[in-house]
């Protein structure tokens, strides 16, 4: 072998051993790093910043020239650790206690104010005494457990006939009545204001506009003026109730589209989370509203704007892009308007889990027997249930026609199946609602006249208010629950029925035009406009084997357990916490002094 060949071989051998050594060294370092936990690294970094360990003796002070850097590093580390904690929160079991813990750790017990039109408790005078009632409202169903956990203040319209008699001189009352945990602040409206703001602009204008339920929206300038004035009154109430300059304000629903901007002008440092509980239409439909730009401007006063589904988020972003001069970021779903950012997010609302024991303490066997006895039905009679306000968006007429079609196609159920329709009276001063109630009654009477002579009537229509205990008794007694909304934001009745069935029995029939249909595909999903499809679904439900009912219910109940109302609120509050931290860092970096709240005019 020549000298050159020998040197080449030695070089190759040297390089081989060098790379092997480097590989072993890298492997060793990797193993060591893998053994270091995240929290250990955090503790080590804090120790270094305190001067402990390698760099300086423990307890020594930061040099003056390094103090700003060290302070910023500490803030950054707290921010990183908080983000890490937020990821851990996603894995937690969400309960009322978990939400309280989140408020304590993420928001350090900061002030929470809820604003909604409907109050969680009504005081109604009945002769010589006053009764307490819970209104039929999906908003109340979702928010009431949150406020019990947060111990904040709920501002709402005082609409009960006995409401004024029970409040203190500041229009406050502690609720729930049996064990108060938060304050209810009532705002009083005149009959004229209620007619214009609530019945007029909100429910003859925005409600049909957003639901696309084949009812023409009506817009009047006088209603708009009432709507604006009432929103301003609630903005003043928020400022009066706020104990700090930067409360977290949860604005609820379409009654208060102008409120976020009004609060922003009065409390510039507030974190405003607005949740829109109904659908958001496409830009072409929304453009029908004469005050479309003002409504969008009001909503974009929010720090965070939430919707039930991604399609509603998309529609809102499209609407802003089409109608306003705003910068829209479709990657992050944020809108920058008038120099202020608004995050537009999807937060599917849910219900309390587990269900309150008072609603579940009666056995399924007793509920089945009691409800059938109440309606004079045989003990083996098949039973369906529907629960909602008497509203044209809920598809009650379509549901009754589907029941009629099922009895035509499957006559074996004539005299053996009845459907209990619980329909709470709603907005009865509006002509469209009056005529809708008449139509529902007429259809029920027509179907009962046709099939009722063969046994119990197929439709049992109950147009009256029912307390939650009675509603859950119906859920637990029924063989099926039929939700046939023509268009809905979420629909919590579907989730309540599933939560009520701890026996893992019963079948949910669910309109594809609800937000809940995206979360509960194990239900029988139907088009409520298709009577044949709905009739077939009811027949399938009544014949479904118990094993299949159990399989479907277990999956749906598991989802409600993991994605309950406490998680819904927790996600919004975690996002609010992140916004507040980032705002503080930006203010500090820019050297700006936080703006002071303006006085209420």
Protein backbone atom coordinates (compact mmCIF):
# COMPACT_ATOMS: atom_id res chain seq x y z
CA UNK A 1 0.00 0.00 0.00
CA UNK A 2 1.38 3.39 -0.96
CA UNK A 3 1.97 6.20 1.52
CA UNK A 4 -0.97 8.21 0.09
CA UNK A 5 -3.35 5.28 0.38
CA UNK A 6 -2.20 4.65 3.94
CA UNK A 7 -2.79 8.34 4.93
CA UNK A 8 -6.22 8.30 3.25
CA UNK A 9 -7.24 5.19 5.19
CA UNK A 10 -6.03 6.72 8.48
CA UNK A 11 -7.95 9.92 7.74
CA UNK A 12 -11.15 7.97 7.03
CA UNK A 13 -10.69 5.96 10.26
CA UNK A 14 -10.11 9.18 12.23
CA UNK A 15 -13.21 10.81 10.78
CA UNK A 16 -15.24 7.68 11.51
CA UNK A 17 -14.31 7.67 15.18
CA UNK A 18 -14.80 11.43 15.37
CA UNK A 19 -18.38 11.18 14.08
CA UNK A 20 -19.10 8.23 16.38
CA UNK A 21 -17.86 10.26 19.33
CA UNK A 22 -19.94 13.25 18.34
CA UNK A 23 -23.01 11.04 17.93
CA UNK A 24 -22.50 9.59 21.40
CA UNK A 25 -22.07 13.07 22.84
CA UNK A 26 -25.25 14.35 21.16
CA UNK A 27 -27.14 11.28 22.37
CA UNK A 28 -25.94 11.85 25.90
CA UNK A 29 -26.98 15.51 25.82
CA UNK A 30 -30.38 14.53 24.38
CA UNK A 31 -30.95 12.03 27.17
CA UNK A 32 -30.02 14.58 29.82
CA UNK A 33 -32.30 17.22 28.30
CA UNK A 34 -35.14 14.72 28.06
CA UNK A 35 -34.87 14.12 31.79
CA UNK A 36 -35.40 17.79 32.60
CA UNK A 37 -39.09 18.58 33.17
CA UNK A 38 -40.74 21.78 32.07
CA UNK A 39 -41.42 22.84 35.61
CA UNK A 40 -37.83 22.07 36.60
CA UNK A 41 -36.60 24.35 33.84
CA UNK A 42 -38.96 27.07 35.01
CA UNK A 43 -37.75 26.73 38.59
CA UNK A 44 -34.12 26.83 37.42
CA UNK A 45 -34.69 29.95 35.37
CA UNK A 46 -36.35 31.66 38.30
CA UNK A 47 -33.44 30.64 40.52
CA UNK A 48 -30.96 32.13 38.05
CA UNK A 49 -32.93 35.35 37.86
CA UNK A 50 -32.98 35.52 41.66
CA UNK A 51 -29.19 35.16 41.57
CA UNK A 52 -29.12 31.63 42.96
CA UNK A 53 -26.80 28.93 41.67
CA UNK A 54 -24.25 29.34 38.94
CA UNK A 55 -23.96 33.06 38.30
CA UNK A 56 -24.21 34.86 41.64
CA UNK A 57 -24.55 34.05 45.32
CA UNK A 58 -28.09 33.46 46.47
CA UNK A 59 -29.84 36.54 47.80
CA UNK A 60 -27.69 39.07 45.95
CA UNK A 61 -29.57 41.93 44.32
CA UNK A 62 -29.82 42.52 40.57
CA UNK A 63 -27.38 45.20 39.40
CA UNK A 64 -29.35 48.42 38.75
CA UNK A 65 -28.60 48.35 35.04
CA UNK A 66 -30.00 44.81 34.74
CA UNK A 67 -33.16 45.25 36.80
CA UNK A 68 -35.43 46.24 33.87
CA UNK A 69 -34.18 43.26 31.85
CA UNK A 70 -34.65 40.88 34.77
CA UNK A 71 -38.14 42.23 35.44
CA UNK A 72 -39.15 41.77 31.81
CA UNK A 73 -37.71 38.25 31.82
CA UNK A 74 -39.71 37.40 34.92
CA UNK A 75 -42.90 38.71 33.29
CA UNK A 76 -42.14 36.72 30.15
CA UNK A 77 -41.60 33.55 32.14
CA UNK A 78 -44.86 34.06 34.01
CA UNK A 79 -46.57 34.52 30.65
CA UNK A 80 -45.01 31.31 29.29
CA UNK A 81 -45.91 29.39 32.42
CA UNK A 82 -49.48 30.70 32.26
CA UNK A 83 -49.77 29.56 28.65
CA UNK A 84 -48.47 26.16 29.70
CA UNK A 85 -51.06 26.10 32.49
CA UNK A 86 -53.76 26.97 29.96
CA UNK A 87 -52.83 23.90 27.95
CA UNK A 88 -53.12 21.89 31.12
CA UNK A 89 -56.59 23.39 31.69
CA UNK A 90 -57.72 21.85 28.43
CA UNK A 91 -57.12 18.42 29.95
CA UNK A 92 -58.93 19.11 33.21
CA UNK A 93 -62.38 17.95 34.28
CA UNK A 94 -64.55 21.05 34.02
CA UNK A 95 -66.75 21.70 37.05
CA UNK A 96 -67.97 24.75 38.96
CA UNK A 97 -65.00 24.33 41.34
CA UNK A 98 -62.60 24.10 38.39
CA UNK A 99 -64.03 27.35 36.99
CA UNK A 100 -63.57 29.08 40.37
CA UNK A 101 -59.99 27.84 40.45
CA UNK A 102 -59.42 29.16 36.95
CA UNK A 103 -60.75 32.57 37.92
CA UNK A 104 -58.43 32.60 40.91
CA UNK A 105 -55.28 31.54 39.05
CA UNK A 106 -55.76 33.07 35.60
CA UNK A 107 -57.70 36.20 36.52
CA UNK A 108 -56.85 36.48 40.22
CA UNK A 109 -60.48 36.89 41.29
CA UNK A 110 -61.04 39.84 38.98
CA UNK A 111 -64.49 41.30 38.58
CA UNK A 112 -66.99 39.54 36.29
CA UNK A 113 -70.19 41.28 35.13
CA UNK A 114 -72.85 39.64 32.93
CA UNK A 115 -75.35 41.68 30.92
CA UNK A 116 -78.43 40.07 29.37
CA UNK A 117 -81.97 41.11 28.60
CA UNK A 118 -83.56 38.17 30.39
CA UNK A 119 -83.02 37.79 34.11
CA UNK A 120 -82.22 34.43 35.71
CA UNK A 121 -85.02 34.74 38.29
CA UNK A 122 -88.43 36.41 37.99
CA UNK A 123 -90.46 37.54 40.98
CA UNK A 124 -94.12 37.30 40.04
CA UNK A 125 -96.96 38.55 42.22
CA UNK A 126 -99.74 35.99 42.61
CA UNK A 127 -102.49 37.49 44.73
CA UNK A 128 -101.10 38.19 48.17
CA UNK A 129 -97.72 36.50 47.75
CA UNK A 130 -94.75 36.63 45.37
CA UNK A 131 -93.49 33.55 43.55
CA UNK A 132 -89.97 33.02 42.17
CA UNK A 133 -89.78 31.56 38.66
CA UNK A 134 -87.03 30.57 36.25
CA UNK A 135 -87.72 31.88 32.72
CA UNK A 136 -87.63 29.57 29.68
CA UNK A 137 -84.35 30.73 28.15
CA UNK A 138 -81.30 29.01 26.72
CA UNK A 139 -79.19 31.99 27.75
CA UNK A 140 -80.28 31.65 31.38
CA UNK A 141 -79.78 27.87 31.29
CA UNK A 142 -76.17 28.36 30.18
CA UNK A 143 -75.15 31.38 32.25
CA UNK A 144 -76.75 30.74 35.62
CA UNK A 145 -74.31 27.96 36.63
CA UNK A 146 -71.44 30.22 35.55
CA UNK A 147 -72.53 33.09 37.78
CA UNK A 148 -72.95 30.75 40.73
CA UNK A 149 -69.32 29.79 40.19
CA UNK A 150 -68.05 33.35 39.59
CA UNK A 151 -69.96 35.18 42.34
CA UNK A 152 -70.16 38.30 40.16
CA UNK A 153 -72.98 40.66 39.18
CA UNK A 154 -75.70 39.94 36.61
CA UNK A 155 -77.42 43.00 35.06
CA UNK A 156 -80.79 42.32 33.42
CA UNK A 157 -84.17 43.84 32.63
CA UNK A 158 -86.49 43.52 35.64
CA UNK A 159 -89.66 42.26 33.97
CA UNK A 160 -91.45 40.34 36.74
CA UNK A 161 -94.60 41.83 38.24
CA UNK A 162 -93.09 41.53 41.73
CA UNK A 163 -89.48 42.41 40.85
CA UNK A 164 -89.53 45.96 42.25
CA UNK A 165 -90.90 44.79 45.59
CA UNK A 166 -87.95 42.57 46.48
CA UNK A 167 -84.87 44.61 45.46
CA UNK A 168 -82.87 46.90 47.74
CA UNK A 169 -82.46 50.64 47.22
CA UNK A 170 -79.75 49.97 44.62
CA UNK A 171 -82.05 47.61 42.66
CA UNK A 172 -80.05 44.56 43.82
CA UNK A 173 -81.15 41.17 45.08
CA UNK A 174 -79.03 38.15 46.00
CA UNK A 175 -79.72 34.98 44.01
CA UNK A 176 -80.34 32.04 43.83
CA UNK A 177 -83.11 32.62 46.40
CA UNK A 178 -82.35 29.48 48.42
CA UNK A 179 -78.61 30.22 48.78
CA UNK A 180 -77.45 33.54 47.25
CA UNK A 181 -74.04 33.41 45.58
CA UNK A 182 -74.17 36.42 43.24
CA UNK A 183 -75.96 39.75 42.82
CA UNK A 184 -78.77 40.43 40.34
CA UNK A 185 -79.03 44.11 39.34
CA UNK A 186 -82.32 44.96 37.68
CA UNK A 187 -82.76 47.71 35.09
CA UNK A 188 -86.26 49.12 34.69
CA UNK A 189 -87.80 49.88 31.29
CA UNK A 190 -91.01 51.69 30.46
CA UNK A 191 -93.69 49.96 28.40
CA UNK A 192 -92.77 52.17 25.44
CA UNK A 193 -89.07 51.30 25.72
CA UNK A 194 -89.82 47.59 25.99
CA UNK A 195 -92.13 47.77 22.98
CA UNK A 196 -89.53 49.50 20.81
CA UNK A 197 -86.26 47.93 22.01
CA UNK A 198 -87.39 44.37 22.77
CA UNK A 199 -90.54 43.55 20.84
CA UNK A 200 -89.77 45.93 18.00
CA UNK A 201 -86.16 46.14 16.88
CA UNK A 202 -84.83 43.02 18.61
CA UNK A 203 -87.64 40.56 17.87
CA UNK A 204 -89.46 41.93 14.85
CA UNK A 205 -86.21 43.04 13.22
CA UNK A 206 -83.02 41.21 14.24
CA UNK A 207 -84.59 37.87 15.24
CA UNK A 208 -86.19 37.03 11.85
CA UNK A 209 -83.28 38.67 10.00
CA UNK A 210 -80.76 36.32 11.61
CA UNK A 211 -82.87 33.14 11.65
CA UNK A 212 -83.94 33.28 7.99
CA UNK A 213 -87.21 31.61 9.06
CA UNK A 214 -89.41 32.89 6.23
CA UNK A 215 -90.76 35.75 8.34
CA UNK A 216 -90.10 39.20 6.93
CA UNK A 217 -88.10 41.43 9.33
CA UNK A 218 -89.66 44.75 10.23
CA UNK A 219 -87.49 47.81 10.90
CA UNK A 220 -88.83 51.11 12.27
CA UNK A 221 -86.82 54.25 13.07
CA UNK A 222 -88.65 54.62 16.41
CA UNK A 223 -87.70 51.05 17.39
CA UNK A 224 -84.09 51.74 16.50
CA UNK A 225 -84.05 54.83 18.70
CA UNK A 226 -85.47 52.83 21.64
CA UNK A 227 -82.88 50.11 21.04
CA UNK A 228 -80.07 52.66 21.10
CA UNK A 229 -81.35 54.36 24.24
CA UNK A 230 -81.81 51.09 26.15
CA UNK A 231 -78.32 49.93 25.17
CA UNK A 232 -77.00 53.24 26.54
CA UNK A 233 -78.89 52.72 29.80
CA UNK A 234 -77.35 49.29 30.26
CA UNK A 235 -73.90 50.74 29.53
CA UNK A 236 -74.40 53.19 32.40
CA UNK A 237 -75.52 50.33 34.63
CA UNK A 238 -72.29 48.44 33.86
CA UNK A 239 -70.22 51.48 34.88
CA UNK A 240 -72.25 51.90 38.06
CA UNK A 241 -71.73 48.26 39.02
CA UNK A 242 -68.03 48.12 38.13
CA UNK A 243 -65.80 48.25 41.20
CA UNK A 244 -62.62 48.43 39.10
CA UNK A 245 -61.55 50.23 35.94
CA UNK A 246 -60.96 46.96 34.05
CA UNK A 247 -63.78 44.50 34.74
CA UNK A 248 -64.51 41.49 32.56
CA UNK A 249 -67.93 42.14 31.00
CA UNK A 250 -69.87 39.30 29.35
CA UNK A 251 -72.44 40.85 26.98
CA UNK A 252 -75.14 38.44 25.91
CA UNK A 253 -76.99 38.26 22.63
CA UNK A 254 -78.64 40.32 19.94
CA UNK A 255 -80.45 42.68 22.33
CA UNK A 256 -77.16 44.48 22.98
CA UNK A 257 -75.30 44.81 19.70
CA UNK A 258 -74.48 48.46 20.45
CA UNK A 259 -73.45 47.85 24.06
CA UNK A 260 -69.81 46.73 23.58
CA UNK A 261 -68.82 50.00 21.89
CA UNK A 262 -70.68 52.03 24.51
CA UNK A 263 -68.92 50.21 27.34
CA UNK A 264 -65.57 50.62 25.57
CA UNK A 265 -66.06 54.39 25.47
CA UNK A 266 -66.91 54.51 29.19
CA UNK A 267 -64.48 51.85 30.46
CA UNK A 268 -61.56 51.77 27.99
CA UNK A 269 -59.66 49.15 29.99
CA UNK A 270 -62.54 46.68 30.32
CA UNK A 271 -62.24 43.25 28.71
CA UNK A 272 -65.52 42.86 26.83
CA UNK A 273 -66.60 39.39 25.72
CA UNK A 274 -69.75 39.45 23.59
CA UNK A 275 -71.55 36.22 22.83
CA UNK A 276 -74.11 36.12 20.01
CA UNK A 277 -76.49 33.27 20.89
CA UNK A 278 -78.43 33.20 17.61
CA UNK A 279 -77.22 32.51 14.04
CA UNK A 280 -75.35 35.17 12.09
CA UNK A 281 -76.64 35.37 8.49
CA UNK A 282 -74.68 35.80 5.30
CA UNK A 283 -73.67 39.35 4.24
CA UNK A 284 -76.48 39.67 1.69
CA UNK A 285 -79.14 38.91 4.30
CA UNK A 286 -77.61 41.13 6.98
CA UNK A 287 -77.39 44.03 4.53
CA UNK A 288 -81.21 44.27 4.68
CA UNK A 289 -80.90 46.06 8.04
CA UNK A 290 -80.90 49.86 7.62
CA UNK A 291 -78.49 50.27 10.58
CA UNK A 292 -76.08 47.50 9.61
CA UNK A 293 -72.90 49.62 9.94
CA UNK A 294 -73.91 50.87 13.40
CA UNK A 295 -74.57 47.33 14.62
CA UNK A 296 -71.21 46.09 13.35
CA UNK A 297 -69.45 49.08 14.87
CA UNK A 298 -71.08 48.30 18.21
CA UNK A 299 -70.09 44.65 18.18
CA UNK A 300 -66.52 45.47 17.20
CA UNK A 301 -66.15 47.33 20.47
CA UNK A 302 -65.71 43.84 21.92
CA UNK A 303 -62.36 42.38 22.88
CA UNK A 304 -63.69 38.94 21.95
CA UNK A 305 -66.82 38.17 19.92
CA UNK A 306 -68.12 34.61 20.16
CA UNK A 307 -70.50 32.48 18.10
CA UNK A 308 -71.72 28.89 18.40
CA UNK A 309 -70.40 27.54 15.10
CA UNK A 310 -67.61 28.17 12.63
CA UNK A 311 -70.13 28.94 9.89
CA UNK A 312 -71.50 31.83 11.98
CA UNK A 313 -67.93 33.06 12.55
CA UNK A 314 -67.31 32.92 8.80
CA UNK A 315 -70.53 34.77 8.04
CA UNK A 316 -69.67 37.55 10.48
CA UNK A 317 -66.15 38.00 9.13
CA UNK A 318 -67.54 38.04 5.57
CA UNK A 319 -70.12 40.65 6.62
CA UNK A 320 -67.47 42.94 8.12
CA UNK A 321 -65.26 42.51 5.07
CA UNK A 322 -68.16 43.41 2.78
CA UNK A 323 -69.71 46.32 4.69
CA UNK A 324 -66.96 48.08 6.69
CA UNK A 325 -63.55 49.60 6.08
CA UNK A 326 -61.77 47.18 8.40
CA UNK A 327 -58.72 44.93 8.28
CA UNK A 328 -59.79 41.30 8.38
CA UNK A 329 -57.30 38.54 9.17
CA UNK A 330 -58.84 35.26 8.03
CA UNK A 331 -55.93 33.21 9.31
CA UNK A 332 -56.46 34.26 12.93
CA UNK A 333 -60.14 35.29 12.54
CA UNK A 334 -59.58 38.74 13.94
CA UNK A 335 -60.82 42.15 12.85
CA UNK A 336 -58.96 45.44 13.31
CA UNK A 337 -61.40 48.36 13.26
CA UNK A 338 -60.75 51.93 14.36
CA UNK A 339 -57.31 50.81 15.47
CA UNK A 340 -58.70 48.23 17.90
CA UNK A 341 -58.56 44.44 17.47
CA UNK A 342 -61.49 42.07 18.00
CA UNK A 343 -60.94 38.32 18.12
CA UNK A 344 -63.85 36.44 16.49
CA UNK A 345 -64.07 32.93 17.88
CA UNK A 346 -66.16 29.79 18.01
CA UNK A 347 -67.41 28.78 21.47
CA UNK A 348 -70.08 26.05 21.28
CA UNK A 349 -72.32 26.59 24.29
CA UNK A 350 -73.42 23.71 26.48
CA UNK A 351 -75.17 22.88 29.76
CA UNK A 352 -74.21 22.18 33.35
CA UNK A 353 -72.61 18.79 34.00
CA UNK A 354 -73.43 16.90 36.04
CA UNK A 355 -77.07 17.95 36.08
CA UNK A 356 -78.21 19.43 39.39
CA UNK A 357 -79.18 16.52 41.70
CA UNK A 358 -82.58 18.11 42.40
CA UNK A 359 -83.52 17.52 38.75
CA UNK A 360 -82.37 13.89 38.75
CA UNK A 361 -83.43 12.57 42.15
CA UNK A 362 -86.64 10.95 40.85
CA UNK A 363 -86.13 7.54 39.27
CA UNK A 364 -86.77 6.89 35.58
CA UNK A 365 -89.38 4.30 36.53
CA UNK A 366 -91.30 6.79 38.64
CA UNK A 367 -91.07 9.50 35.95
CA UNK A 368 -92.40 7.17 33.26
CA UNK A 369 -95.36 6.15 35.40
CA UNK A 370 -96.08 9.64 36.75
CA UNK A 371 -96.09 11.43 33.38
CA UNK A 372 -98.29 8.80 31.74
CA UNK A 373 -100.71 8.96 34.63
CA UNK A 374 -100.78 12.77 34.41
CA UNK A 375 -101.89 12.63 30.78
CA UNK A 376 -104.20 9.62 31.28
CA UNK A 377 -102.11 7.32 29.12
CA UNK A 378 -101.62 3.56 29.46
CA UNK A 379 -98.46 2.51 31.30
CA UNK A 380 -96.96 1.00 28.12
CA UNK A 381 -97.89 3.95 25.90
CA UNK A 382 -95.03 5.23 23.67
CA UNK A 383 -94.21 8.86 24.40
CA UNK A 384 -92.35 11.66 22.64
CA UNK A 385 -91.52 15.10 24.02
CA UNK A 386 -90.71 18.56 22.66
CA UNK A 387 -89.70 21.55 24.79
CA UNK A 388 -89.31 25.13 23.59
CA UNK A 389 -90.75 28.59 23.55
CA UNK A 390 -93.70 29.02 21.22
CA UNK A 391 -91.59 30.51 18.44
CA UNK A 392 -91.88 30.14 14.67
CA UNK A 393 -88.16 29.28 14.38
CA UNK A 394 -88.64 26.09 16.44
CA UNK A 395 -90.52 24.17 13.74
CA UNK A 396 -93.46 23.05 15.91
CA UNK A 397 -95.89 23.08 12.98
CA UNK A 398 -93.48 21.02 10.90
CA UNK A 399 -93.03 18.59 13.82
CA UNK A 400 -96.80 18.04 14.13
CA UNK A 401 -97.09 17.39 10.39
CA UNK A 402 -94.29 14.83 10.69
CA UNK A 403 -96.20 13.08 13.49
CA UNK A 404 -99.28 13.05 11.27
CA UNK A 405 -97.25 11.53 8.44
CA UNK A 406 -95.79 8.85 10.72
CA UNK A 407 -99.28 7.78 11.77
CA UNK A 408 -100.24 7.58 8.09
CA UNK A 409 -97.19 5.53 7.10
CA UNK A 410 -97.07 3.39 10.27
CA UNK A 411 -100.67 3.00 11.47
CA UNK A 412 -99.56 0.53 14.17
CA UNK A 413 -98.71 3.59 16.28
CA UNK A 414 -102.21 5.08 16.11
CA UNK A 415 -103.59 4.97 19.64
CA UNK A 416 -100.21 3.73 20.95
CA UNK A 417 -98.08 6.89 20.63
CA UNK A 418 -98.55 10.42 21.94
CA UNK A 419 -96.32 13.49 21.74
CA UNK A 420 -96.22 15.98 24.63
CA UNK A 421 -95.38 19.46 23.33
CA UNK A 422 -94.32 21.85 26.11
CA UNK A 423 -94.53 25.33 24.60
CA UNK A 424 -93.83 28.31 26.85
CA UNK A 425 -95.74 31.41 25.70
CA UNK A 426 -93.39 33.92 24.09
CA UNK A 427 -93.60 37.51 22.78
CA UNK A 428 -97.38 37.27 22.65
CA UNK A 429 -97.75 40.99 21.94
CA UNK A 430 -96.16 40.52 18.49
CA UNK A 431 -98.74 39.77 15.81
CA UNK A 432 -96.61 37.08 14.13
CA UNK A 433 -96.34 35.18 17.41
CA UNK A 434 -100.08 35.44 18.02
CA UNK A 435 -100.90 34.02 14.60
CA UNK A 436 -98.25 31.32 15.04
CA UNK A 437 -99.82 30.17 18.32
CA UNK A 438 -103.21 30.01 16.57
CA UNK A 439 -101.74 27.92 13.74
CA UNK A 440 -100.05 25.51 16.16
CA UNK A 441 -103.29 25.01 18.08
CA UNK A 442 -105.22 24.49 14.86
CA UNK A 443 -102.81 21.87 13.50
CA UNK A 444 -102.82 19.98 16.81
CA UNK A 445 -106.63 19.97 16.93
CA UNK A 446 -106.85 18.81 13.32
CA UNK A 447 -104.49 15.87 13.87
CA UNK A 448 -106.13 14.89 17.16
CA UNK A 449 -109.58 14.97 15.52
CA UNK A 450 -108.32 12.67 12.80
CA UNK A 451 -106.49 10.09 14.95
CA UNK A 452 -107.72 10.68 18.51
CA UNK A 453 -110.86 8.59 18.17
CA UNK A 454 -108.74 5.41 18.16
CA UNK A 455 -107.30 6.05 21.62
CA UNK A 456 -105.40 8.78 23.47
CA UNK A 457 -104.77 11.93 21.36
CA UNK A 458 -101.50 11.82 19.42
CA UNK A 459 -100.60 15.43 20.35
CA UNK A 460 -100.77 16.82 23.89
CA UNK A 461 -100.17 20.57 23.56
CA UNK A 462 -99.22 22.36 26.81
CA UNK A 463 -98.94 26.12 26.25
CA UNK A 464 -97.78 27.20 29.70
CA UNK A 465 -94.64 27.78 31.71
CA UNK A 466 -92.97 24.66 33.18
CA UNK A 467 -90.34 24.69 35.91
CA UNK A 468 -87.05 22.83 35.21
CA UNK A 469 -88.04 19.99 37.56
CA UNK A 470 -91.16 19.31 35.49
CA UNK A 471 -89.26 19.53 32.21
CA UNK A 472 -86.65 17.03 33.36
CA UNK A 473 -89.40 14.70 34.54
CA UNK A 474 -90.76 14.75 30.97
CA UNK A 475 -87.28 14.13 29.53
CA UNK A 476 -86.81 11.10 31.78
CA UNK A 477 -90.24 9.69 30.96
CA UNK A 478 -90.05 9.97 27.16
CA UNK A 479 -89.02 7.39 24.58
CA UNK A 480 -87.86 10.11 22.20
CA UNK A 481 -87.21 13.85 22.10
CA UNK A 482 -87.81 15.69 18.83
CA UNK A 483 -85.96 19.00 18.18
CA UNK A 484 -87.10 20.34 14.79
CA UNK A 485 -85.76 23.91 14.74
CA UNK A 486 -85.82 25.53 11.33
CA UNK A 487 -82.69 27.52 12.26
CA UNK A 488 -80.99 27.69 15.65
CA UNK A 489 -77.75 28.91 17.16
CA UNK A 490 -77.18 25.82 19.29
CA UNK A 491 -80.39 24.49 20.95
CA UNK A 492 -79.81 23.34 24.49
CA UNK A 493 -82.99 21.22 24.70
CA UNK A 494 -81.15 18.54 22.73
CA UNK A 495 -78.31 18.56 25.25
CA UNK A 496 -80.65 18.66 28.24
CA UNK A 497 -82.49 15.55 27.05
CA UNK A 498 -79.24 13.62 26.68
CA UNK A 499 -77.99 14.80 30.08
CA UNK A 500 -81.27 13.79 31.73
CA UNK A 501 -80.99 10.18 30.54
CA UNK A 502 -78.68 8.58 33.06
CA UNK A 503 -80.41 5.29 32.17
CA UNK A 504 -78.80 5.59 28.70
CA UNK A 505 -82.17 5.10 27.02
CA UNK A 506 -84.27 7.25 24.73
CA UNK A 507 -83.59 8.59 21.25
CA UNK A 508 -82.85 12.16 20.19
CA UNK A 509 -84.20 13.31 16.82
CA UNK A 510 -82.41 16.51 15.86
CA UNK A 511 -82.75 19.10 13.10
CA UNK A 512 -79.68 19.49 10.92
CA UNK A 513 -80.19 23.27 11.15
CA UNK A 514 -79.13 23.45 14.80
CA UNK A 515 -75.62 24.00 16.08
CA UNK A 516 -76.13 20.92 18.29
CA UNK A 517 -76.34 18.70 15.19
CA UNK A 518 -72.64 19.33 14.56
CA UNK A 519 -71.78 18.08 18.05
CA UNK A 520 -74.25 15.21 18.45
CA UNK A 521 -74.12 13.19 15.22
CA UNK A 522 -75.23 10.08 17.16
CA UNK A 523 -78.74 11.62 17.22
CA UNK A 524 -81.05 10.88 14.30
CA UNK A 525 -80.32 13.97 12.17
CA UNK A 526 -83.23 15.14 10.01
CA UNK A 527 -84.40 17.93 7.72
CA UNK A 528 -87.43 19.37 9.55
CA UNK A 529 -88.95 20.51 6.24
CA UNK A 530 -89.07 16.87 5.05
CA UNK A 531 -92.11 15.28 6.75
CA UNK A 532 -91.36 11.86 5.25
CA UNK A 533 -87.79 11.81 6.61
CA UNK A 534 -88.94 12.96 10.05
CA UNK A 535 -91.73 10.36 10.12
CA UNK A 536 -89.24 7.63 9.25
CA UNK A 537 -86.88 8.84 11.98
CA UNK A 538 -89.64 8.68 14.62
CA UNK A 539 -90.55 5.14 13.58
CA UNK A 540 -86.87 4.13 13.75
CA UNK A 541 -86.59 5.72 17.20
CA UNK A 542 -89.64 3.90 18.54
CA UNK A 543 -88.31 0.57 17.25
CA UNK A 544 -84.63 1.09 18.12
CA UNK A 545 -83.12 -1.76 20.20
CA UNK A 546 -82.04 -0.83 23.71
CA UNK A 547 -78.45 -1.78 22.92
CA UNK A 548 -78.29 0.77 20.10
CA UNK A 549 -79.95 3.42 22.26
CA UNK A 550 -77.30 2.76 24.91
CA UNK A 551 -74.42 3.00 22.44
CA UNK A 552 -75.65 6.33 21.04
CA UNK A 553 -76.43 7.80 24.46
CA UNK A 554 -73.06 6.85 25.93
CA UNK A 555 -71.19 8.70 23.20
CA UNK A 556 -73.35 11.82 23.46
CA UNK A 557 -73.25 11.87 27.26
CA UNK A 558 -69.47 11.54 27.16
CA UNK A 559 -69.26 14.60 24.94
CA UNK A 560 -71.51 16.64 27.25
CA UNK A 561 -69.41 15.60 30.23
CA UNK A 562 -66.19 16.82 28.59
CA UNK A 563 -67.64 19.86 26.80
CA UNK A 564 -69.99 21.32 29.39
CA UNK A 565 -70.97 24.91 30.17
CA UNK A 566 -68.05 25.38 32.56
CA UNK A 567 -65.63 24.58 29.73
CA UNK A 568 -67.52 27.00 27.46
CA UNK A 569 -67.07 29.80 29.99
CA UNK A 570 -63.55 28.67 30.90
CA UNK A 571 -62.34 28.89 27.30
CA UNK A 572 -63.64 32.45 26.97
CA UNK A 573 -62.10 33.48 30.28
CA UNK A 574 -58.75 31.85 29.40
CA UNK A 575 -58.75 33.83 26.14
CA UNK A 576 -59.66 36.98 28.08
CA UNK A 577 -56.78 36.33 30.47
CA UNK A 578 -54.38 36.02 27.54
CA UNK A 579 -55.60 39.30 26.06
CA UNK A 580 -55.16 41.10 29.37
CA UNK A 581 -51.59 39.82 29.78
CA UNK A 582 -50.65 40.84 26.26
CA UNK A 583 -52.20 44.28 26.76
CA UNK A 584 -50.14 44.80 29.91
CA UNK A 585 -46.94 43.78 28.13
CA UNK A 586 -47.69 46.12 25.20
CA UNK A 587 -48.42 49.02 27.54
CA UNK A 588 -45.20 48.37 29.41
CA UNK A 589 -43.13 48.09 26.24
CA UNK A 590 -44.55 51.32 24.81
CA UNK A 591 -44.33 53.20 28.10
CA UNK A 592 -47.98 54.23 27.82
CA UNK A 593 -50.04 54.95 30.88
CA UNK A 594 -53.37 53.01 30.81
CA UNK A 595 -56.29 55.15 29.78
CA UNK A 596 -58.59 56.30 32.55
CA UNK A 597 -62.27 55.49 32.54
CA UNK A 598 -64.49 58.34 31.48
CA UNK A 599 -67.28 59.54 33.69
CA UNK A 600 -70.83 58.61 32.72
CA UNK A 601 -72.73 61.47 31.19
